[in-house]
C-alpha atoms as a PDB file:
ATOM      1  CA  MET A   1      -0.080   0.106   0.007  1.00  0.00           C
ATOM      2  CA  SER A   2       1.508   3.211  -0.874  1.00  0.00           C
ATOM      3  CA  GLU A   3       1.499   6.388   0.988  1.00  0.00           C
ATOM      4  CA  LEU A   4      -1.208   9.052   0.635  1.00  0.00           C
ATOM      5  CA  ILE A   5      -0.411  12.491  -0.889  1.00  0.00           C
ATOM      6  CA  PRO A   6      -2.056  15.608   0.197  1.00  0.00           C
ATOM      7  CA  VAL A   7      -3.759  17.651  -2.709  1.00  0.00           C
ATOM      8  CA  ASN A   8      -5.434  20.638  -2.640  1.00  0.00           C
ATOM      9  CA  ILE A   9      -8.482  20.861  -5.387  1.00  0.00           C
ATOM     10  CA  VAL A  10     -11.058  23.504  -5.955  1.00  0.00           C
ATOM     11  CA  ILE A  11     -14.400  23.113  -6.865  1.00  0.00           C
ATOM     12  CA  ALA A  12     -17.391  25.892  -7.250  1.00  0.00           C
ATOM     13  CA  ASP A  13     -14.373  28.413  -5.797  1.00  0.00           C
ATOM     14  CA  ARG A  14     -14.210  26.203  -2.563  1.00  0.00           C
ATOM     15  CA  ASN A  15     -10.923  24.779  -1.229  1.00  0.00           C
ATOM     16  CA  TYR A  16     -10.693  20.981  -0.597  1.00  0.00           C
ATOM     17  CA  ARG A  17      -7.805  19.351   0.620  1.00  0.00           C
ATOM     18  CA  LEU A  18      -7.932  15.502   0.022  1.00  0.00           C
ATOM     19  CA  ARG A  19      -5.121  12.505   0.811  1.00  0.00           C
ATOM     20  CA  ILE A  20      -5.143  10.343  -2.030  1.00  0.00           C
ATOM     21  CA  GLU A  21      -3.077   7.762  -3.665  1.00  0.00           C
ATOM     22  CA  PRO A  22      -0.273   9.059  -6.041  1.00  0.00           C
ATOM     23  CA  GLN A  23      -1.936   7.302  -9.328  1.00  0.00           C
ATOM     24  CA  ASP A  24      -5.001   8.761  -8.344  1.00  0.00           C
ATOM     25  CA  GLU A  25      -4.213  12.284  -8.695  1.00  0.00           C
ATOM     26  CA  GLU A  26      -4.290  13.024 -12.598  1.00  0.00           C
ATOM     27  CA  MET A  27      -7.681  11.462 -12.424  1.00  0.00           C
ATOM     28  CA  VAL A  28      -8.919  13.516  -9.453  1.00  0.00           C
ATOM     29  CA  ARG A  29      -7.760  16.546 -10.739  1.00  0.00           C
ATOM     30  CA  LYS A  30      -9.222  16.294 -14.136  1.00  0.00           C
ATOM     31  CA  THR A  31     -12.565  15.252 -12.523  1.00  0.00           C
ATOM     32  CA  ALA A  32     -12.441  18.395 -10.631  1.00  0.00           C
ATOM     33  CA  GLY A  33     -11.720  20.318 -13.790  1.00  0.00           C
ATOM     34  CA  LEU A  34     -14.666  18.697 -15.491  1.00  0.00           C
ATOM     35  CA  ILE A  35     -16.941  19.486 -12.759  1.00  0.00           C
ATOM     36  CA  ASN A  36     -15.568  23.528 -12.889  1.00  0.00           C
ATOM     37  CA  ASP A  37     -16.224  23.710 -16.422  1.00  0.00           C
ATOM     38  CA  LYS A  38     -19.755  22.540 -16.178  1.00  0.00           C
ATOM     39  CA  ILE A  39     -20.693  25.002 -13.462  1.00  0.00           C
ATOM     40  CA  THR A  40     -19.266  27.486 -16.080  1.00  0.00           C
ATOM     41  CA  GLU A  41     -21.375  26.072 -18.630  1.00  0.00           C
ATOM     42  CA  PHE A  42     -24.399  26.116 -16.679  1.00  0.00           C
ATOM     43  CA  LYS A  43     -23.896  29.682 -15.011  1.00  0.00           C
ATOM     44  CA  THR A  44     -23.387  30.754 -18.844  1.00  0.00           C
ATOM     45  CA  ASN A  45     -26.723  29.153 -19.749  1.00  0.00           C
ATOM     46  CA  LEU A  46     -29.024  29.572 -16.650  1.00  0.00           C
ATOM     47  CA  ALA A  47     -28.349  33.173 -15.258  1.00  0.00           C
ATOM     48  CA  GLY A  48     -29.604  34.161 -12.087  1.00  0.00           C
ATOM     49  CA  LYS A  49     -28.993  30.961 -10.131  1.00  0.00           C
ATOM     50  CA  ASP A  50     -26.741  30.533  -6.651  1.00  0.00           C
ATOM     51  CA  MET A  51     -23.827  28.130  -6.643  1.00  0.00           C
ATOM     52  CA  GLN A  52     -25.516  25.378  -4.841  1.00  0.00           C
ATOM     53  CA  ASP A  53     -27.951  25.363  -8.047  1.00  0.00           C
ATOM     54  CA  TYR A  54     -25.128  25.064 -10.486  1.00  0.00           C
ATOM     55  CA  VAL A  55     -23.363  22.336  -8.141  1.00  0.00           C
ATOM     56  CA  SER A  56     -26.778  20.581  -8.311  1.00  0.00           C
ATOM     57  CA  MET A  57     -27.178  20.497 -11.897  1.00  0.00           C
ATOM     58  CA  VAL A  58     -23.734  19.207 -12.311  1.00  0.00           C
ATOM     59  CA  LEU A  59     -23.994  16.362  -9.821  1.00  0.00           C
ATOM     60  CA  LEU A  60     -27.281  15.606 -11.831  1.00  0.00           C
ATOM     61  CA  TRP A  61     -25.406  15.779 -15.265  1.00  0.00           C
ATOM     62  CA  PHE A  62     -22.663  13.410 -13.763  1.00  0.00           C
ATOM     63  CA  ALA A  63     -24.837  10.844 -12.377  1.00  0.00           C
ATOM     64  CA  THR A  64     -26.637  10.845 -15.685  1.00  0.00           C
ATOM     65  CA  GLU A  65     -23.753  10.884 -18.366  1.00  0.00           C
ATOM     66  CA  GLN A  66     -21.147   9.258 -16.707  1.00  0.00           C
END
């Protein structure tokens, strides 16, 4: 079992410090980037909502598309 490494991830303008396996770092960073990209997409298409709405929509998208 390998050592866990600390990584800082930003999702929806909030910082999260995670401890993950080194081989998972690229996947975690790509997934966080995808989430942030989808948040930006929803913000562009659905003006006037709050961040919780955007995150919820991304969660629904992720659950149904993936």
